[in-house]
PDB file of N, CA and C in Angstrom:
ATOM      1  N   UNK A   1      13.558   5.054  14.147  1.00  0.00           N
ATOM      2  CA  UNK A   1      12.091   4.970  14.066  1.00  0.00           C
ATOM      3  C   UNK A   1      11.799   3.461  13.661  1.00  0.00           C
ATOM      4  N   UNK A   2      10.992   2.606  14.510  1.00  0.00           N
ATOM      5  CA  UNK A   2      10.741   1.376  14.102  1.00  0.00           C
ATOM      6  C   UNK A   2       9.585   1.289  13.072  1.00  0.00           C
ATOM      7  N   UNK A   3       9.695   0.494  12.127  1.00  0.00           N
ATOM      8  CA  UNK A   3       8.760   0.297  11.196  1.00  0.00           C
ATOM      9  C   UNK A   3       7.821  -0.895  11.414  1.00  0.00           C
ATOM     10  N   UNK A   4       6.702  -0.647  11.422  1.00  0.00           N
ATOM     11  CA  UNK A   4       5.548  -1.652  11.924  1.00  0.00           C
ATOM     12  C   UNK A   4       4.579  -2.008  10.726  1.00  0.00           C
ATOM     13  N   UNK A   5       4.019  -3.188  10.802  1.00  0.00           N
ATOM     14  CA  UNK A   5       2.918  -3.444  10.019  1.00  0.00           C
ATOM     15  C   UNK A   5       1.627  -2.929  10.827  1.00  0.00           C
ATOM     16  N   UNK A   6       0.602  -2.594  10.089  1.00  0.00           N
ATOM     17  CA  UNK A   6      -0.535  -2.046  10.954  1.00  0.00           C
ATOM     18  C   UNK A   6      -1.638  -3.175  10.888  1.00  0.00           C
ATOM     19  N   UNK A   7      -2.424  -3.318  11.840  1.00  0.00           N
ATOM     20  CA  UNK A   7      -3.582  -4.392  11.816  1.00  0.00           C
ATOM     21  C   UNK A   7      -4.588  -3.862  10.865  1.00  0.00           C
ATOM     22  N   UNK A   8      -5.150  -4.900  10.124  1.00  0.00           N
ATOM     23  CA  UNK A   8      -6.177  -4.593   9.098  1.00  0.00           C
ATOM     24  C   UNK A   8      -7.467  -4.062   9.624  1.00  0.00           C
ATOM     25  N   UNK A   9      -7.639  -3.907  10.763  1.00  0.00           N
ATOM     26  CA  UNK A   9      -8.846  -3.321  11.412  1.00  0.00           C
ATOM     27  C   UNK A   9      -8.624  -2.024  12.158  1.00  0.00           C
ATOM     28  N   UNK A  10      -7.381  -1.498  12.070  1.00  0.00           N
ATOM     29  CA  UNK A  10      -7.131  -0.118  12.547  1.00  0.00           C
ATOM     30  C   UNK A  10      -7.695   1.058  11.932  1.00  0.00           C
ATOM     31  N   UNK A  11      -8.330   2.067  12.537  1.00  0.00           N
ATOM     32  CA  UNK A  11      -8.959   3.170  11.856  1.00  0.00           C
ATOM     33  C   UNK A  11      -8.140   3.930  10.908  1.00  0.00           C
ATOM     34  N   UNK A  12      -6.766   4.014  11.277  1.00  0.00           N
ATOM     35  CA  UNK A  12      -5.827   4.724  10.340  1.00  0.00           C
ATOM     36  C   UNK A  12      -5.853   4.095   9.094  1.00  0.00           C
ATOM     37  N   UNK A  13      -5.844   2.824   9.040  1.00  0.00           N
ATOM     38  CA  UNK A  13      -5.964   2.064   7.705  1.00  0.00           C
ATOM     39  C   UNK A  13      -7.094   2.422   6.827  1.00  0.00           C
ATOM     40  N   UNK A  14      -8.227   2.558   7.371  1.00  0.00           N
ATOM     41  CA  UNK A  14      -9.344   3.037   6.857  1.00  0.00           C
ATOM     42  C   UNK A  14      -9.179   4.311   6.172  1.00  0.00           C
ATOM     43  N   UNK A  15      -8.421   5.319   6.744  1.00  0.00           N
ATOM     44  CA  UNK A  15      -8.203   6.601   6.107  1.00  0.00           C
ATOM     45  C   UNK A  15      -7.358   6.487   4.960  1.00  0.00           C
ATOM     46  N   UNK A  16      -6.285   5.617   4.987  1.00  0.00           N
ATOM     47  CA  UNK A  16      -5.302   5.440   4.007  1.00  0.00           C
ATOM     48  C   UNK A  16      -6.086   4.863   2.745  1.00  0.00           C
ATOM     49  N   UNK A  17      -7.006   3.800   2.996  1.00  0.00           N
ATOM     50  CA  UNK A  17      -7.625   3.109   1.925  1.00  0.00           C
ATOM     51  C   UNK A  17      -8.546   4.194   1.394  1.00  0.00           C
ATOM     52  N   UNK A  18      -9.375   4.964   2.053  1.00  0.00           N
ATOM     53  CA  UNK A  18     -10.251   5.927   1.491  1.00  0.00           C
ATOM     54  C   UNK A  18      -9.467   6.956   0.518  1.00  0.00           C
ATOM     55  N   UNK A  19      -8.311   7.436   0.919  1.00  0.00           N
ATOM     56  CA  UNK A  19      -7.534   8.324   0.190  1.00  0.00           C
ATOM     57  C   UNK A  19      -6.819   7.743  -1.096  1.00  0.00           C
ATOM     58  N   UNK A  20      -6.631   6.474  -0.988  1.00  0.00           N
ATOM     59  CA  UNK A  20      -5.916   5.740  -2.117  1.00  0.00           C
ATOM     60  C   UNK A  20      -6.920   4.931  -3.008  1.00  0.00           C
ATOM     61  N   UNK A  21      -8.148   4.801  -2.495  1.00  0.00           N
ATOM     62  CA  UNK A  21      -9.135   4.043  -3.414  1.00  0.00           C
ATOM     63  C   UNK A  21      -8.980   2.648  -3.292  1.00  0.00           C
ATOM     64  N   UNK A  22      -8.497   2.158  -2.286  1.00  0.00           N
ATOM     65  CA  UNK A  22      -8.133   0.648  -2.030  1.00  0.00           C
ATOM     66  C   UNK A  22      -9.142   0.163  -0.931  1.00  0.00           C
ATOM     67  N   UNK A  23      -8.957  -1.161  -0.660  1.00  0.00           N
ATOM     68  CA  UNK A  23      -9.894  -1.798   0.353  1.00  0.00           C
ATOM     69  C   UNK A  23      -8.904  -2.533   1.262  1.00  0.00           C
ATOM     70  N   UNK A  24      -9.332  -2.329   2.543  1.00  0.00           N
ATOM     71  CA  UNK A  24      -8.502  -2.961   3.662  1.00  0.00           C
ATOM     72  C   UNK A  24      -8.432  -4.574   3.575  1.00  0.00           C
ATOM     73  N   UNK A  25      -9.552  -5.045   3.061  1.00  0.00           N
ATOM     74  CA  UNK A  25      -9.709  -6.535   2.875  1.00  0.00           C
ATOM     75  C   UNK A  25      -8.584  -7.123   1.849  1.00  0.00           C
ATOM     76  N   UNK A  26      -8.047  -6.067   1.001  1.00  0.00           N
ATOM     77  CA  UNK A  26      -6.989  -6.458   0.071  1.00  0.00           C
ATOM     78  C   UNK A  26      -5.564  -6.225   0.632  1.00  0.00           C
ATOM     79  N   UNK A  27      -5.349  -6.095   1.826  1.00  0.00           N
ATOM     80  CA  UNK A  27      -4.097  -5.820   2.420  1.00  0.00           C
ATOM     81  C   UNK A  27      -3.258  -6.965   2.759  1.00  0.00           C
ATOM     82  N   UNK A  28      -2.081  -7.070   2.632  1.00  0.00           N
ATOM     83  CA  UNK A  28      -1.185  -8.246   3.056  1.00  0.00           C
ATOM     84  C   UNK A  28       0.089  -7.645   3.786  1.00  0.00           C
ATOM     85  N   UNK A  29       0.586  -8.382   4.518  1.00  0.00           N
ATOM     86  CA  UNK A  29       1.826  -8.023   5.394  1.00  0.00           C
ATOM     87  C   UNK A  29       2.928  -8.751   4.713  1.00  0.00           C
ATOM     88  N   UNK A  30       4.212  -8.081   4.778  1.00  0.00           N
ATOM     89  CA  UNK A  30       5.251  -8.787   4.076  1.00  0.00           C
ATOM     90  C   UNK A  30       6.568  -8.378   4.993  1.00  0.00           C
ATOM     91  N   UNK A  31       7.566  -9.148   4.884  1.00  0.00           N
ATOM     92  CA  UNK A  31       8.892  -8.910   5.483  1.00  0.00           C
ATOM     93  C   UNK A  31       9.890  -8.886   4.551  1.00  0.00           C
ATOM     94  N   UNK A  32      10.698  -7.687   4.532  1.00  0.00           N
ATOM     95  CA  UNK A  32      11.892  -7.705   3.629  1.00  0.00           C
ATOM     96  C   UNK A  32      13.129  -7.934   4.492  1.00  0.00           C
ATOM     97  N   UNK A  33      14.248  -7.643   4.138  1.00  0.00           N
ATOM     98  CA  UNK A  33      15.554  -8.017   4.778  1.00  0.00           C
ATOM     99  C   UNK A  33      15.640  -7.280   6.044  1.00  0.00           C
ATOM    100  N   UNK A  34      15.276  -5.825   5.950  1.00  0.00           N
ATOM    101  CA  UNK A  34      15.461  -5.133   7.109  1.00  0.00           C
ATOM    102  C   UNK A  34      14.086  -4.550   7.715  1.00  0.00           C
ATOM    103  N   UNK A  35      13.049  -4.777   7.174  1.00  0.00           N
ATOM    104  CA  UNK A  35      11.876  -4.104   7.404  1.00  0.00           C
ATOM    105  C   UNK A  35      10.539  -4.941   7.270  1.00  0.00           C
ATOM    106  N   UNK A  36       9.640  -4.519   8.001  1.00  0.00           N
ATOM    107  CA  UNK A  36       8.358  -5.057   7.988  1.00  0.00           C
ATOM    108  C   UNK A  36       7.500  -4.025   7.100  1.00  0.00           C
ATOM    109  N   UNK A  37       6.556  -4.422   6.251  1.00  0.00           N
ATOM    110  CA  UNK A  37       5.665  -3.497   5.459  1.00  0.00           C
ATOM    111  C   UNK A  37       4.407  -4.224   5.077  1.00  0.00           C
ATOM    112  N   UNK A  38       3.478  -3.381   4.655  1.00  0.00           N
ATOM    113  CA  UNK A  38       2.235  -3.814   4.115  1.00  0.00           C
ATOM    114  C   UNK A  38       2.192  -3.621   2.768  1.00  0.00           C
ATOM    115  N   UNK A  39       1.149  -4.313   1.994  1.00  0.00           N
ATOM    116  CA  UNK A  39       0.879  -3.847   0.639  1.00  0.00           C
ATOM    117  C   UNK A  39      -0.714  -4.060   0.306  1.00  0.00           C
ATOM    118  N   UNK A  40      -1.107  -3.197  -0.501  1.00  0.00           N
ATOM    119  CA  UNK A  40      -2.362  -3.205  -0.927  1.00  0.00           C
ATOM    120  C   UNK A  40      -2.628  -3.610  -2.380  1.00  0.00           C
ATOM    121  N   UNK A  41      -3.508  -4.351  -2.771  1.00  0.00           N
ATOM    122  CA  UNK A  41      -3.780  -4.745  -4.190  1.00  0.00           C
ATOM    123  C   UNK A  41      -4.739  -3.725  -4.752  1.00  0.00           C
ATOM    124  N   UNK A  42      -4.388  -3.367  -6.074  1.00  0.00           N
ATOM    125  CA  UNK A  42      -5.060  -2.530  -6.751  1.00  0.00           C
ATOM    126  C   UNK A  42      -5.521  -3.083  -8.010  1.00  0.00           C
ATOM    127  N   UNK A  43      -6.898  -3.582  -7.958  1.00  0.00           N
ATOM    128  CA  UNK A  43      -7.344  -4.132  -9.229  1.00  0.00           C
ATOM    129  C   UNK A  43      -7.724  -3.406 -10.283  1.00  0.00           C
ATOM    130  N   UNK A  44      -7.635  -3.798 -11.444  1.00  0.00           N
ATOM    131  CA  UNK A  44      -7.958  -3.078 -12.592  1.00  0.00           C
ATOM    132  C   UNK A  44      -6.797  -2.181 -13.181  1.00  0.00           C
ATOM    133  N   UNK A  45      -5.778  -2.217 -12.466  1.00  0.00           N
ATOM    134  CA  UNK A  45      -4.497  -1.469 -12.945  1.00  0.00           C
ATOM    135  C   UNK A  45      -3.337  -2.438 -13.574  1.00  0.00           C
ATOM    136  N   UNK A  46      -2.859  -1.981 -14.781  1.00  0.00           N
ATOM    137  CA  UNK A  46      -1.856  -2.886 -15.406  1.00  0.00           C
ATOM    138  C   UNK A  46      -0.583  -2.405 -14.849  1.00  0.00           C
ATOM    139  N   UNK A  47      -0.082  -1.255 -15.278  1.00  0.00           N
ATOM    140  CA  UNK A  47       1.235  -0.834 -15.106  1.00  0.00           C
ATOM    141  C   UNK A  47       1.175   0.610 -14.383  1.00  0.00           C
ATOM    142  N   UNK A  48       1.881   0.890 -13.454  1.00  0.00           N
ATOM    143  CA  UNK A  48       2.031   2.260 -12.725  1.00  0.00           C
ATOM    144  C   UNK A  48       2.835   3.226 -13.574  1.00  0.00           C
ATOM    145  N   UNK A  49       2.198   4.348 -13.880  1.00  0.00           N
ATOM    146  CA  UNK A  49       2.834   5.457 -14.524  1.00  0.00           C
ATOM    147  C   UNK A  49       3.633   6.329 -13.545  1.00  0.00           C
ATOM    148  N   UNK A  50       4.463   7.068 -13.786  1.00  0.00           N
ATOM    149  CA  UNK A  50       5.231   7.981 -12.930  1.00  0.00           C
ATOM    150  C   UNK A  50       4.053   9.069 -12.412  1.00  0.00           C
ATOM    151  N   UNK A  51       3.286   9.445 -13.190  1.00  0.00           N
ATOM    152  CA  UNK A  51       2.216  10.394 -12.915  1.00  0.00           C
ATOM    153  C   UNK A  51       1.273   9.796 -11.788  1.00  0.00           C
ATOM    154  N   UNK A  52       0.927   8.465 -11.904  1.00  0.00           N
ATOM    155  CA  UNK A  52       0.066   7.769 -11.027  1.00  0.00           C
ATOM    156  C   UNK A  52       0.805   7.607  -9.608  1.00  0.00           C
ATOM    157  N   UNK A  53       2.081   7.250  -9.795  1.00  0.00           N
ATOM    158  CA  UNK A  53       2.887   7.082  -8.527  1.00  0.00           C
ATOM    159  C   UNK A  53       2.967   8.471  -7.790  1.00  0.00           C
ATOM    160  N   UNK A  54       3.141   9.444  -8.543  1.00  0.00           N
ATOM    161  CA  UNK A  54       3.197  10.843  -7.791  1.00  0.00           C
ATOM    162  C   UNK A  54       1.819  11.053  -7.152  1.00  0.00           C
ATOM    163  N   UNK A  55       0.698  10.694  -7.805  1.00  0.00           N
ATOM    164  CA  UNK A  55      -0.701  10.882  -7.223  1.00  0.00           C
ATOM    165  C   UNK A  55      -0.860  10.050  -5.996  1.00  0.00           C
ATOM    166  N   UNK A  56      -0.249   8.838  -6.101  1.00  0.00           N
ATOM    167  CA  UNK A  56      -0.459   8.029  -4.932  1.00  0.00           C
ATOM    168  C   UNK A  56       0.272   8.544  -3.728  1.00  0.00           C
ATOM    169  N   UNK A  57       1.628   9.014  -3.961  1.00  0.00           N
ATOM    170  CA  UNK A  57       2.350   9.687  -2.834  1.00  0.00           C
ATOM    171  C   UNK A  57       1.464  10.859  -2.165  1.00  0.00           C
ATOM    172  N   UNK A  58       0.815  11.643  -3.132  1.00  0.00           N
ATOM    173  CA  UNK A  58      -0.032  12.708  -2.594  1.00  0.00           C
ATOM    174  C   UNK A  58      -1.046  12.104  -1.743  1.00  0.00           C
ATOM    175  N   UNK A  59      -1.850  11.173  -2.342  1.00  0.00           N
ATOM    176  CA  UNK A  59      -2.887  10.451  -1.540  1.00  0.00           C
ATOM    177  C   UNK A  59      -2.366  10.134  -0.058  1.00  0.00           C
ATOM    178  N   UNK A  60      -1.313   9.525   0.034  1.00  0.00           N
ATOM    179  CA  UNK A  60      -0.765   8.910   1.281  1.00  0.00           C
ATOM    180  C   UNK A  60      -0.492  10.165   2.202  1.00  0.00           C
ATOM    181  N   UNK A  61       0.191  11.253   1.532  1.00  0.00           N
ATOM    182  CA  UNK A  61       0.435  12.418   2.472  1.00  0.00           C
ATOM    183  C   UNK A  61      -0.941  13.001   2.941  1.00  0.00           C
ATOM    184  N   UNK A  62      -1.902  13.020   2.194  1.00  0.00           N
ATOM    185  CA  UNK A  62      -3.225  13.593   2.643  1.00  0.00           C
ATOM    186  C   UNK A  62      -3.707  12.647   3.731  1.00  0.00           C
ATOM    187  N   UNK A  63      -3.590  11.388   3.621  1.00  0.00           N
ATOM    188  CA  UNK A  63      -4.082  10.496   4.764  1.00  0.00           C
ATOM    189  C   UNK A  63      -3.223  10.720   5.986  1.00  0.00           C
ATOM    190  N   UNK A  64      -2.054  11.103   5.835  1.00  0.00           N
ATOM    191  CA  UNK A  64      -1.265  11.188   7.127  1.00  0.00           C
ATOM    192  C   UNK A  64      -1.627  12.515   7.935  1.00  0.00           C
ATOM    193  N   UNK A  65      -2.264  13.393   7.195  1.00  0.00           N
ATOM    194  CA  UNK A  65      -2.794  14.581   7.932  1.00  0.00           C
ATOM    195  C   UNK A  65      -3.945  14.228   8.795  1.00  0.00           C
ATOM    196  N   UNK A  66      -4.668  13.097   8.410  1.00  0.00           N
ATOM    197  CA  UNK A  66      -5.949  12.801   9.258  1.00  0.00           C
ATOM    198  C   UNK A  66      -5.622  11.586  10.106  1.00  0.00           C
ATOM    199  N   UNK A  67      -4.748  10.869   9.898  1.00  0.00           N
ATOM    200  CA  UNK A  67      -4.474   9.747  10.901  1.00  0.00           C
ATOM    201  C   UNK A  67      -4.044  10.098  12.338  1.00  0.00           C
ATOM    202  N   UNK A  68      -4.431   9.211  13.149  1.00  0.00           N
ATOM    203  CA  UNK A  68      -4.076   9.536  14.666  1.00  0.00           C
ATOM    204  C   UNK A  68      -2.915   8.802  15.336  1.00  0.00           C
ATOM    205  N   UNK A  69      -2.622   7.589  14.775  1.00  0.00           N
ATOM    206  CA  UNK A  69      -1.580   6.812  15.511  1.00  0.00           C
ATOM    207  C   UNK A  69      -0.490   6.403  14.614  1.00  0.00           C
ATOM    208  N   UNK A  70      -0.739   6.363  13.341  1.00  0.00           N
ATOM    209  CA  UNK A  70       0.226   5.986  12.247  1.00  0.00           C
ATOM    210  C   UNK A  70       0.471   6.973  11.253  1.00  0.00           C
ATOM    211  N   UNK A  71       1.784   6.907  10.704  1.00  0.00           N
ATOM    212  CA  UNK A  71       2.175   7.856   9.628  1.00  0.00           C
ATOM    213  C   UNK A  71       2.517   6.785   8.511  1.00  0.00           C
ATOM    214  N   UNK A  72       2.322   6.961   7.345  1.00  0.00           N
ATOM    215  CA  UNK A  72       2.531   5.855   6.216  1.00  0.00           C
ATOM    216  C   UNK A  72       3.458   6.731   5.218  1.00  0.00           C
ATOM    217  N   UNK A  73       4.278   5.778   4.679  1.00  0.00           N
ATOM    218  CA  UNK A  73       5.248   6.071   3.644  1.00  0.00           C
ATOM    219  C   UNK A  73       5.116   4.966   2.490  1.00  0.00           C
ATOM    220  N   UNK A  74       5.189   5.558   1.314  1.00  0.00           N
ATOM    221  CA  UNK A  74       4.952   4.611   0.222  1.00  0.00           C
ATOM    222  C   UNK A  74       6.472   3.859   0.074  1.00  0.00           C
ATOM    223  N   UNK A  75       6.491   2.623  -0.005  1.00  0.00           N
ATOM    224  CA  UNK A  75       7.701   1.860  -0.209  1.00  0.00           C
ATOM    225  C   UNK A  75       7.952   1.425  -1.636  1.00  0.00           C
ATOM    226  N   UNK A  76       6.885   1.234  -2.433  1.00  0.00           N
ATOM    227  CA  UNK A  76       7.038   0.896  -3.784  1.00  0.00           C
ATOM    228  C   UNK A  76       5.818   0.445  -4.430  1.00  0.00           C
ATOM    229  N   UNK A  77       5.879   0.230  -5.812  1.00  0.00           N
ATOM    230  CA  UNK A  77       4.651  -0.354  -6.531  1.00  0.00           C
ATOM    231  C   UNK A  77       5.041  -1.429  -7.334  1.00  0.00           C
ATOM    232  N   UNK A  78       4.050  -2.107  -7.662  1.00  0.00           N
ATOM    233  CA  UNK A  78       4.313  -3.462  -8.311  1.00  0.00           C
ATOM    234  C   UNK A  78       3.176  -3.546  -9.506  1.00  0.00           C
ATOM    235  N   UNK A  79       3.425  -3.693 -10.742  1.00  0.00           N
ATOM    236  CA  UNK A  79       2.615  -3.765 -11.761  1.00  0.00           C
ATOM    237  C   UNK A  79       1.881  -5.211 -11.773  1.00  0.00           C
ATOM    238  N   UNK A  80       0.753  -5.264 -12.519  1.00  0.00           N
ATOM    239  CA  UNK A  80       0.129  -6.578 -12.813  1.00  0.00           C
ATOM    240  C   UNK A  80       1.076  -7.577 -13.467  1.00  0.00           C
ATOM    241  N   UNK A  81       1.018  -8.788 -13.007  1.00  0.00           N
ATOM    242  CA  UNK A  81       1.892  -9.826 -13.500  1.00  0.00           C
ATOM    243  C   UNK A  81       1.096 -10.993 -13.833  1.00  0.00           C
ATOM    244  N   UNK A  82       1.543 -11.767 -14.958  1.00  0.00           N
ATOM    245  CA  UNK A  82       1.137 -12.938 -15.376  1.00  0.00           C
ATOM    246  C   UNK A  82       2.213 -13.925 -15.303  1.00  0.00           C
ATOM    247  N   UNK A  83       1.936 -15.124 -14.757  1.00  0.00           N
ATOM    248  CA  UNK A  83       2.884 -16.173 -14.708  1.00  0.00           C
ATOM    249  C   UNK A  83       3.056 -16.573 -16.135  1.00  0.00           C
ATOM    250  N   UNK A  84       4.323 -17.121 -16.543  1.00  0.00           N
ATOM    251  CA  UNK A  84       4.580 -17.304 -17.924  1.00  0.00           C
ATOM    252  C   UNK A  84       3.665 -18.226 -18.626  1.00  0.00           C
ATOM    253  N   UNK A  85       3.046 -19.266 -17.979  1.00  0.00           N
ATOM    254  CA  UNK A  85       2.146 -20.070 -18.692  1.00  0.00           C
ATOM    255  C   UNK A  85       0.737 -19.638 -18.367  1.00  0.00           C
ATOM    256  N   UNK A  86       0.486 -18.307 -18.044  1.00  0.00           N
ATOM    257  CA  UNK A  86      -0.853 -17.783 -17.894  1.00  0.00           C
ATOM    258  C   UNK A  86      -1.775 -18.515 -16.923  1.00  0.00           C
ATOM    259  N   UNK A  87      -1.143 -19.344 -16.059  1.00  0.00           N
ATOM    260  CA  UNK A  87      -1.881 -19.989 -14.986  1.00  0.00           C
ATOM    261  C   UNK A  87      -2.114 -19.205 -13.804  1.00  0.00           C
ATOM    262  N   UNK A  88      -1.618 -18.216 -13.543  1.00  0.00           N
ATOM    263  CA  UNK A  88      -1.739 -17.540 -12.295  1.00  0.00           C
ATOM    264  C   UNK A  88      -1.337 -15.924 -12.595  1.00  0.00           C
ATOM    265  N   UNK A  89      -2.288 -15.104 -11.938  1.00  0.00           N
ATOM    266  CA  UNK A  89      -2.007 -13.689 -12.179  1.00  0.00           C
ATOM    267  C   UNK A  89      -1.837 -13.071 -10.673  1.00  0.00           C
ATOM    268  N   UNK A  90      -1.152 -11.802 -10.609  1.00  0.00           N
ATOM    269  CA  UNK A  90      -1.177 -11.112  -9.442  1.00  0.00           C
ATOM    270  C   UNK A  90      -1.501  -9.635  -9.852  1.00  0.00           C
ATOM    271  N   UNK A  91      -2.478  -9.126  -8.950  1.00  0.00           N
ATOM    272  CA  UNK A  91      -2.771  -7.690  -9.450  1.00  0.00           C
ATOM    273  C   UNK A  91      -1.744  -6.743  -8.968  1.00  0.00           C
ATOM    274  N   UNK A  92      -1.779  -5.521  -9.632  1.00  0.00           N
ATOM    275  CA  UNK A  92      -0.939  -4.429  -9.393  1.00  0.00           C
ATOM    276  C   UNK A  92      -1.067  -4.237  -7.749  1.00  0.00           C
ATOM    277  N   UNK A  93      -0.189  -3.466  -7.217  1.00  0.00           N
ATOM    278  CA  UNK A  93      -0.130  -3.282  -5.807  1.00  0.00           C
ATOM    279  C   UNK A  93       0.701  -2.100  -5.425  1.00  0.00           C
ATOM    280  N   UNK A  94       0.696  -1.602  -4.264  1.00  0.00           N
ATOM    281  CA  UNK A  94       1.648  -0.711  -3.775  1.00  0.00           C
ATOM    282  C   UNK A  94       1.941  -1.148  -2.218  1.00  0.00           C
ATOM    283  N   UNK A  95       3.233  -1.019  -1.999  1.00  0.00           N
ATOM    284  CA  UNK A  95       3.528  -1.311  -0.411  1.00  0.00           C
ATOM    285  C   UNK A  95       3.965  -0.188   0.157  1.00  0.00           C
ATOM    286  N   UNK A  96       3.604  -0.169   1.448  1.00  0.00           N
ATOM    287  CA  UNK A  96       3.778   1.010   2.396  1.00  0.00           C
ATOM    288  C   UNK A  96       4.412   0.557   3.785  1.00  0.00           C
ATOM    289  N   UNK A  97       5.072   1.497   4.335  1.00  0.00           N
ATOM    290  CA  UNK A  97       5.675   1.344   5.699  1.00  0.00           C
ATOM    291  C   UNK A  97       4.574   2.142   6.557  1.00  0.00           C
ATOM    292  N   UNK A  98       4.446   1.648   7.869  1.00  0.00           N
ATOM    293  CA  UNK A  98       3.674   2.238   8.919  1.00  0.00           C
ATOM    294  C   UNK A  98       4.606   2.561  10.125  1.00  0.00           C
ATOM    295  N   UNK A  99       4.514   3.781  10.422  1.00  0.00           N
ATOM    296  CA  UNK A  99       5.210   4.288  11.577  1.00  0.00           C
ATOM    297  C   UNK A  99       4.309   4.707  12.625  1.00  0.00           C
ATOM    298  N   UNK A 100       4.614   4.590  13.948  1.00  0.00           N
ATOM    299  CA  UNK A 100       3.895   5.135  15.048  1.00  0.00           C
ATOM    300  C   UNK A 100       4.232   6.526  15.077  1.00  0.00           C
ATOM    301  N   UNK A 101       3.150   7.481  15.255  1.00  0.00           N
ATOM    302  CA  UNK A 101       3.428   8.917  15.233  1.00  0.00           C
ATOM    303  C   UNK A 101       4.035   9.152  16.548  1.00  0.00           C
TER     304      UNK A 101
END
C-alpha cells in the first residue's frame, strides 16, 4: 500500500480535523526515510499522555468510518518544544499517514 500525503483542501482531511479537534490550516507535510506523512499542530498542549494518545487513535479510527477516499493512521506524537535559548518554540503535534481506500 502506497503512503501518500493528503492535500490540505481534501474533504476527508476536514473529517479528520473535526474528530481530532485540529485545524487543516495547521497541517504540514514531511518525508521520512521510507514514507511521506503529514502532521497537524496541536496548540495549548505541552506533553502527550498515554491516555491522550489512545484517545487520539480512537478519534482517527472514528474519522476513518466517515472518510470517502483516504484512511488515516497515527504515525507518532511530538510534545511542545522550546529551543535551548528560548528563542523559538514548536507546538505539540501528531503525525499521520494517509492511504487511499
